[in-house]
Amino acid sequence: MKSTFNKSNGYNVSFDRKRKMVIANHQLIIEKKLGRKLHRNELVHHIDEDKSNNKICNLKLVNKSTHNKLHSVWKGNKNPSRRMSHSERSAISKIGWKHRKHHKHRENGENENE
């Protein structure tokens, strides 16, 4: 499959002959690993947020809600990641959003029961 760069979204893409459509390479890589197509609510997240880094260790399958949280899609005060650094968002994407509170306490050397 020949890969090309899509200037409009910044991803490397390939034409999938079976589906007769252009697919982002990071999606194809995860689909190959899973042995199936992605479900409608699944997205592939680049852990280091570098769209060109399609190494399998940098790709994580997430649902749309988690992906939105990781990329600060929520507006205003309801956005939990609004004041997070890139490294904190990366750490959360590696361990999972729901474990953020526990991870943050451990990083600070605190006991989460305090």
N, C-alpha and C. Protein backbone atom coordinates (compact mmCIF):
# COMPACT_ATOMS: atom_id res chain seq x y z
N MET A 1 0.83 -1.17 0.00
CA MET A 1 0.00 0.00 0.00
C MET A 1 0.88 1.24 0.00
N LYS A 2 0.62 2.13 -0.90
CA LYS A 2 1.40 3.37 -0.99
C LYS A 2 0.84 4.40 -0.02
N SER A 3 1.73 5.00 0.76
CA SER A 3 1.34 5.99 1.75
C SER A 3 1.60 7.39 1.23
N THR A 4 0.69 8.30 1.54
CA THR A 4 0.86 9.71 1.18
C THR A 4 0.54 10.57 2.40
N PHE A 5 0.98 11.82 2.36
CA PHE A 5 0.74 12.75 3.46
C PHE A 5 -0.49 13.59 3.14
N ASN A 6 -1.43 13.65 4.06
CA ASN A 6 -2.64 14.45 3.89
C ASN A 6 -2.41 15.81 4.56
N LYS A 7 -2.26 16.85 3.74
CA LYS A 7 -1.97 18.18 4.28
C LYS A 7 -3.11 18.75 5.11
N SER A 8 -4.34 18.38 4.81
CA SER A 8 -5.49 18.97 5.51
C SER A 8 -5.58 18.51 6.97
N ASN A 9 -5.15 17.27 7.27
CA ASN A 9 -5.25 16.83 8.66
C ASN A 9 -3.92 16.42 9.28
N GLY A 10 -2.85 16.39 8.51
CA GLY A 10 -1.52 16.12 9.03
C GLY A 10 -1.18 14.65 9.24
N TYR A 11 -2.01 13.74 8.74
CA TYR A 11 -1.77 12.31 8.91
C TYR A 11 -1.25 11.68 7.62
N ASN A 12 -0.44 10.62 7.78
CA ASN A 12 -0.07 9.79 6.64
C ASN A 12 -1.24 8.86 6.38
N VAL A 13 -1.64 8.76 5.12
CA VAL A 13 -2.81 7.97 4.76
C VAL A 13 -2.48 7.01 3.62
N SER A 14 -3.32 5.99 3.48
CA SER A 14 -3.19 5.02 2.39
C SER A 14 -4.57 4.71 1.85
N PHE A 15 -4.63 4.29 0.60
CA PHE A 15 -5.90 3.90 0.00
C PHE A 15 -6.13 2.42 0.28
N ASP A 16 -7.24 2.11 0.93
CA ASP A 16 -7.61 0.73 1.23
C ASP A 16 -8.48 0.23 0.09
N ARG A 17 -7.97 -0.70 -0.69
CA ARG A 17 -8.68 -1.19 -1.87
C ARG A 17 -9.94 -1.96 -1.51
N LYS A 18 -9.91 -2.69 -0.40
CA LYS A 18 -11.09 -3.45 0.01
C LYS A 18 -12.25 -2.53 0.37
N ARG A 19 -11.96 -1.47 1.10
CA ARG A 19 -13.01 -0.52 1.51
C ARG A 19 -13.24 0.58 0.48
N LYS A 20 -12.31 0.69 -0.45
CA LYS A 20 -12.37 1.71 -1.50
C LYS A 20 -12.43 3.12 -0.91
N MET A 21 -11.52 3.36 0.05
CA MET A 21 -11.44 4.68 0.68
C MET A 21 -10.05 4.90 1.27
N VAL A 22 -9.76 6.16 1.54
CA VAL A 22 -8.48 6.53 2.16
C VAL A 22 -8.61 6.37 3.67
N ILE A 23 -7.62 5.72 4.27
CA ILE A 23 -7.60 5.46 5.71
C ILE A 23 -6.27 5.95 6.28
N ALA A 24 -6.31 6.55 7.46
CA ALA A 24 -5.08 6.98 8.13
C ALA A 24 -4.25 5.76 8.51
N ASN A 25 -2.95 5.86 8.30
CA ASN A 25 -2.05 4.73 8.56
C ASN A 25 -2.10 4.24 10.00
N HIS A 26 -2.23 5.16 10.95
CA HIS A 26 -2.27 4.73 12.35
C HIS A 26 -3.50 3.86 12.62
N GLN A 27 -4.59 4.10 11.91
CA GLN A 27 -5.78 3.26 12.05
C GLN A 27 -5.52 1.87 11.46
N LEU A 28 -4.87 1.84 10.32
CA LEU A 28 -4.56 0.55 9.68
C LEU A 28 -3.63 -0.28 10.55
N ILE A 29 -2.68 0.37 11.19
CA ILE A 29 -1.72 -0.33 12.06
C ILE A 29 -2.44 -0.98 13.24
N ILE A 30 -3.34 -0.24 13.89
CA ILE A 30 -4.09 -0.78 15.02
C ILE A 30 -5.03 -1.88 14.56
N GLU A 31 -5.68 -1.69 13.43
CA GLU A 31 -6.59 -2.72 12.91
C GLU A 31 -5.83 -4.02 12.62
N LYS A 32 -4.64 -3.90 12.09
CA LYS A 32 -3.83 -5.10 11.81
C LYS A 32 -3.48 -5.81 13.12
N LYS A 33 -3.11 -5.03 14.14
CA LYS A 33 -2.77 -5.62 15.44
C LYS A 33 -3.98 -6.31 16.06
N LEU A 34 -5.16 -5.67 15.97
CA LEU A 34 -6.37 -6.23 16.55
C LEU A 34 -6.95 -7.39 15.73
N GLY A 35 -6.65 -7.39 14.44
CA GLY A 35 -7.22 -8.40 13.55
C GLY A 35 -8.66 -8.10 13.17
N ARG A 36 -9.04 -6.82 13.27
CA ARG A 36 -10.41 -6.40 12.93
C ARG A 36 -10.43 -4.91 12.63
N LYS A 37 -11.54 -4.45 12.03
CA LYS A 37 -11.74 -3.02 11.80
C LYS A 37 -12.10 -2.35 13.12
N LEU A 38 -11.85 -1.05 13.19
CA LEU A 38 -12.23 -0.29 14.38
C LEU A 38 -13.75 -0.17 14.45
N HIS A 39 -14.27 -0.16 15.67
CA HIS A 39 -15.70 0.09 15.87
C HIS A 39 -15.96 1.58 15.73
N ARG A 40 -17.21 1.96 15.56
CA ARG A 40 -17.57 3.37 15.35
C ARG A 40 -17.13 4.29 16.49
N ASN A 41 -17.14 3.79 17.70
CA ASN A 41 -16.78 4.64 18.85
C ASN A 41 -15.30 4.58 19.20
N GLU A 42 -14.49 3.89 18.41
CA GLU A 42 -13.07 3.75 18.70
C GLU A 42 -12.22 4.69 17.85
N LEU A 43 -11.20 5.25 18.49
CA LEU A 43 -10.23 6.11 17.81
C LEU A 43 -8.83 5.67 18.23
N VAL A 44 -7.85 6.06 17.44
CA VAL A 44 -6.47 5.76 17.77
C VAL A 44 -5.80 7.05 18.23
N HIS A 45 -5.25 7.00 19.44
CA HIS A 45 -4.59 8.16 20.03
C HIS A 45 -3.08 8.02 19.90
N HIS A 46 -2.42 9.10 19.46
CA HIS A 46 -0.96 9.15 19.45
C HIS A 46 -0.52 9.62 20.84
N ILE A 47 0.11 8.76 21.60
CA ILE A 47 0.47 9.06 22.98
C ILE A 47 1.34 10.31 23.08
N ASP A 48 2.32 10.44 22.18
CA ASP A 48 3.19 11.62 22.23
C ASP A 48 2.63 12.80 21.43
N GLU A 49 1.41 12.65 20.91
CA GLU A 49 0.70 13.67 20.12
C GLU A 49 1.43 14.06 18.83
N ASP A 50 2.35 13.22 18.37
CA ASP A 50 3.05 13.42 17.11
C ASP A 50 2.36 12.57 16.04
N LYS A 51 1.63 13.23 15.15
CA LYS A 51 0.84 12.52 14.14
C LYS A 51 1.69 11.67 13.20
N SER A 52 2.96 11.97 13.10
CA SER A 52 3.82 11.21 12.18
C SER A 52 4.45 9.98 12.85
N ASN A 53 4.31 9.87 14.18
CA ASN A 53 4.90 8.75 14.92
C ASN A 53 3.88 7.61 15.00
N ASN A 54 3.94 6.71 14.03
CA ASN A 54 2.99 5.60 13.97
C ASN A 54 3.57 4.29 14.49
N LYS A 55 4.56 4.39 15.37
CA LYS A 55 5.08 3.17 16.01
C LYS A 55 3.98 2.61 16.90
N ILE A 56 3.86 1.29 16.92
CA ILE A 56 2.79 0.65 17.68
C ILE A 56 2.83 1.01 19.17
N CYS A 57 4.03 1.24 19.70
CA CYS A 57 4.15 1.61 21.12
C CYS A 57 3.65 3.02 21.39
N ASN A 58 3.43 3.82 20.34
CA ASN A 58 2.93 5.18 20.49
C ASN A 58 1.43 5.30 20.20
N LEU A 59 0.81 4.19 19.83
CA LEU A 59 -0.60 4.22 19.47
C LEU A 59 -1.43 3.53 20.54
N LYS A 60 -2.56 4.15 20.88
CA LYS A 60 -3.43 3.57 21.90
C LYS A 60 -4.87 3.65 21.41
N LEU A 61 -5.58 2.54 21.51
CA LEU A 61 -6.99 2.48 21.15
C LEU A 61 -7.81 3.05 22.30
N VAL A 62 -8.62 4.07 22.00
CA VAL A 62 -9.47 4.71 23.02
C VAL A 62 -10.86 4.94 22.45
N ASN A 63 -11.81 5.20 23.35
CA ASN A 63 -13.14 5.57 22.84
C ASN A 63 -13.16 7.08 22.59
N LYS A 64 -14.22 7.56 21.94
CA LYS A 64 -14.27 8.98 21.56
C LYS A 64 -14.25 9.91 22.78
N SER A 65 -14.94 9.51 23.84
CA SER A 65 -14.99 10.34 25.04
C SER A 65 -13.60 10.54 25.64
N THR A 66 -12.87 9.45 25.78
CA THR A 66 -11.51 9.52 26.33
C THR A 66 -10.61 10.34 25.42
N HIS A 67 -10.74 10.16 24.12
CA HIS A 67 -9.91 10.90 23.18
C HIS A 67 -10.18 12.40 23.28
N ASN A 68 -11.45 12.78 23.41
CA ASN A 68 -11.80 14.19 23.56
C ASN A 68 -11.18 14.78 24.83
N LYS A 69 -11.21 14.02 25.91
CA LYS A 69 -10.62 14.49 27.18
C LYS A 69 -9.11 14.69 27.02
N LEU A 70 -8.48 13.77 26.32
CA LEU A 70 -7.02 13.87 26.14
C LEU A 70 -6.62 15.07 25.30
N HIS A 71 -7.49 15.50 24.41
CA HIS A 71 -7.17 16.61 23.52
C HIS A 71 -7.90 17.90 23.87
N SER A 72 -8.38 18.00 25.08
CA SER A 72 -8.98 19.25 25.58
C SER A 72 -10.11 19.76 24.71
N VAL A 73 -10.98 18.89 24.27
CA VAL A 73 -12.08 19.30 23.41
C VAL A 73 -13.17 20.00 24.22
N TRP A 74 -13.31 19.64 25.49
CA TRP A 74 -14.32 20.28 26.31
C TRP A 74 -14.01 21.75 26.46
N LYS A 75 -15.05 22.56 26.57
CA LYS A 75 -14.89 24.02 26.66
C LYS A 75 -15.00 24.50 28.11
N GLY A 76 -14.35 25.60 28.39
CA GLY A 76 -14.49 26.29 29.66
C GLY A 76 -14.07 25.50 30.88
N ASN A 77 -14.74 25.74 31.99
CA ASN A 77 -14.38 25.14 33.27
C ASN A 77 -14.68 23.65 33.34
N LYS A 78 -15.49 23.12 32.43
CA LYS A 78 -15.84 21.71 32.44
C LYS A 78 -14.72 20.84 31.86
N ASN A 79 -13.68 21.46 31.36
CA ASN A 79 -12.59 20.72 30.74
C ASN A 79 -11.57 20.31 31.81
N PRO A 80 -11.51 19.00 32.15
CA PRO A 80 -10.59 18.59 33.21
C PRO A 80 -9.12 18.66 32.84
N SER A 81 -8.81 18.68 31.55
CA SER A 81 -7.40 18.69 31.15
C SER A 81 -6.94 20.08 30.72
N ARG A 82 -7.77 21.09 30.96
CA ARG A 82 -7.47 22.45 30.49
C ARG A 82 -6.13 22.98 30.99
N ARG A 83 -5.82 22.69 32.24
CA ARG A 83 -4.59 23.22 32.82
C ARG A 83 -3.48 22.17 32.92
N MET A 84 -3.60 21.11 32.12
CA MET A 84 -2.58 20.06 32.16
C MET A 84 -1.45 20.34 31.19
N SER A 85 -0.28 19.91 31.57
CA SER A 85 0.86 19.99 30.67
C SER A 85 0.80 18.83 29.69
N HIS A 86 1.59 18.91 28.64
CA HIS A 86 1.67 17.82 27.66
C HIS A 86 2.09 16.52 28.33
N SER A 87 3.06 16.60 29.23
CA SER A 87 3.56 15.39 29.88
C SER A 87 2.49 14.76 30.78
N GLU A 88 1.69 15.58 31.43
CA GLU A 88 0.62 15.04 32.27
C GLU A 88 -0.45 14.36 31.42
N ARG A 89 -0.83 14.98 30.29
CA ARG A 89 -1.79 14.34 29.38
C ARG A 89 -1.24 13.04 28.84
N SER A 90 0.05 13.00 28.52
CA SER A 90 0.68 11.78 28.02
C SER A 90 0.64 10.69 29.07
N ALA A 91 0.93 11.06 30.31
CA ALA A 91 0.90 10.07 31.40
C ALA A 91 -0.51 9.52 31.57
N ILE A 92 -1.51 10.38 31.49
CA ILE A 92 -2.90 9.94 31.63
C ILE A 92 -3.28 9.01 30.48
N SER A 93 -2.85 9.33 29.27
CA SER A 93 -3.21 8.48 28.13
C SER A 93 -2.59 7.10 28.27
N LYS A 94 -1.45 7.02 28.95
CA LYS A 94 -0.79 5.71 29.12
C LYS A 94 -1.49 4.87 30.18
N ILE A 95 -1.99 5.49 31.25
CA ILE A 95 -2.59 4.72 32.34
C ILE A 95 -4.10 4.68 32.29
N GLY A 96 -4.71 5.56 31.54
CA GLY A 96 -6.17 5.61 31.48
C GLY A 96 -6.70 6.78 32.29
N TRP A 97 -7.69 7.48 31.74
CA TRP A 97 -8.22 8.70 32.35
C TRP A 97 -8.82 8.44 33.72
N LYS A 98 -9.53 7.34 33.92
CA LYS A 98 -10.22 7.12 35.18
C LYS A 98 -9.27 6.89 36.35
N HIS A 99 -8.01 6.60 36.06
CA HIS A 99 -7.03 6.39 37.12
C HIS A 99 -6.19 7.64 37.40
N ARG A 100 -6.58 8.78 36.86
CA ARG A 100 -5.80 10.01 36.96
C ARG A 100 -5.58 10.43 38.42
N LYS A 101 -6.63 10.42 39.23
CA LYS A 101 -6.52 10.87 40.61
C LYS A 101 -5.49 10.04 41.37
N HIS A 102 -5.56 8.73 41.25
CA HIS A 102 -4.62 7.84 41.93
C HIS A 102 -3.20 8.10 41.44
N HIS A 103 -3.02 8.25 40.13
CA HIS A 103 -1.69 8.48 39.55
C HIS A 103 -1.11 9.80 40.03
N LYS A 104 -1.94 10.85 40.08
CA LYS A 104 -1.46 12.17 40.49
C LYS A 104 -0.97 12.13 41.94
N HIS A 105 -1.70 11.44 42.82
CA HIS A 105 -1.28 11.32 44.21
C HIS A 105 0.05 10.58 44.32
N ARG A 106 0.20 9.52 43.54
CA ARG A 106 1.43 8.73 43.58
C ARG A 106 2.62 9.55 43.09
N GLU A 107 2.41 10.38 42.04
CA GLU A 107 3.50 11.21 41.52
C GLU A 107 3.98 12.20 42.57
N ASN A 108 3.04 12.73 43.36
CA ASN A 108 3.37 13.74 44.37
C ASN A 108 3.85 13.11 45.68
N GLY A 109 3.91 11.78 45.73
CA GLY A 109 4.36 11.09 46.93
C GLY A 109 3.34 11.13 48.05
N GLU A 110 2.07 11.38 47.69
CA GLU A 110 1.02 11.48 48.67
C GLU A 110 0.29 10.14 48.80
N ASN A 111 -0.32 9.94 49.92
CA ASN A 111 -1.19 8.79 50.12
C ASN A 111 -2.57 9.23 49.67
N GLU A 112 -3.20 8.48 48.76
CA GLU A 112 -4.48 8.92 48.22
C GLU A 112 -5.59 8.94 49.26
N ASN A 113 -5.41 8.32 50.41
CA ASN A 113 -6.42 8.31 51.46
C ASN A 113 -6.33 9.54 52.37
N GLU A 114 -5.31 10.37 52.19
CA GLU A 114 -5.12 11.55 53.03
C GLU A 114 -6.11 12.63 52.66
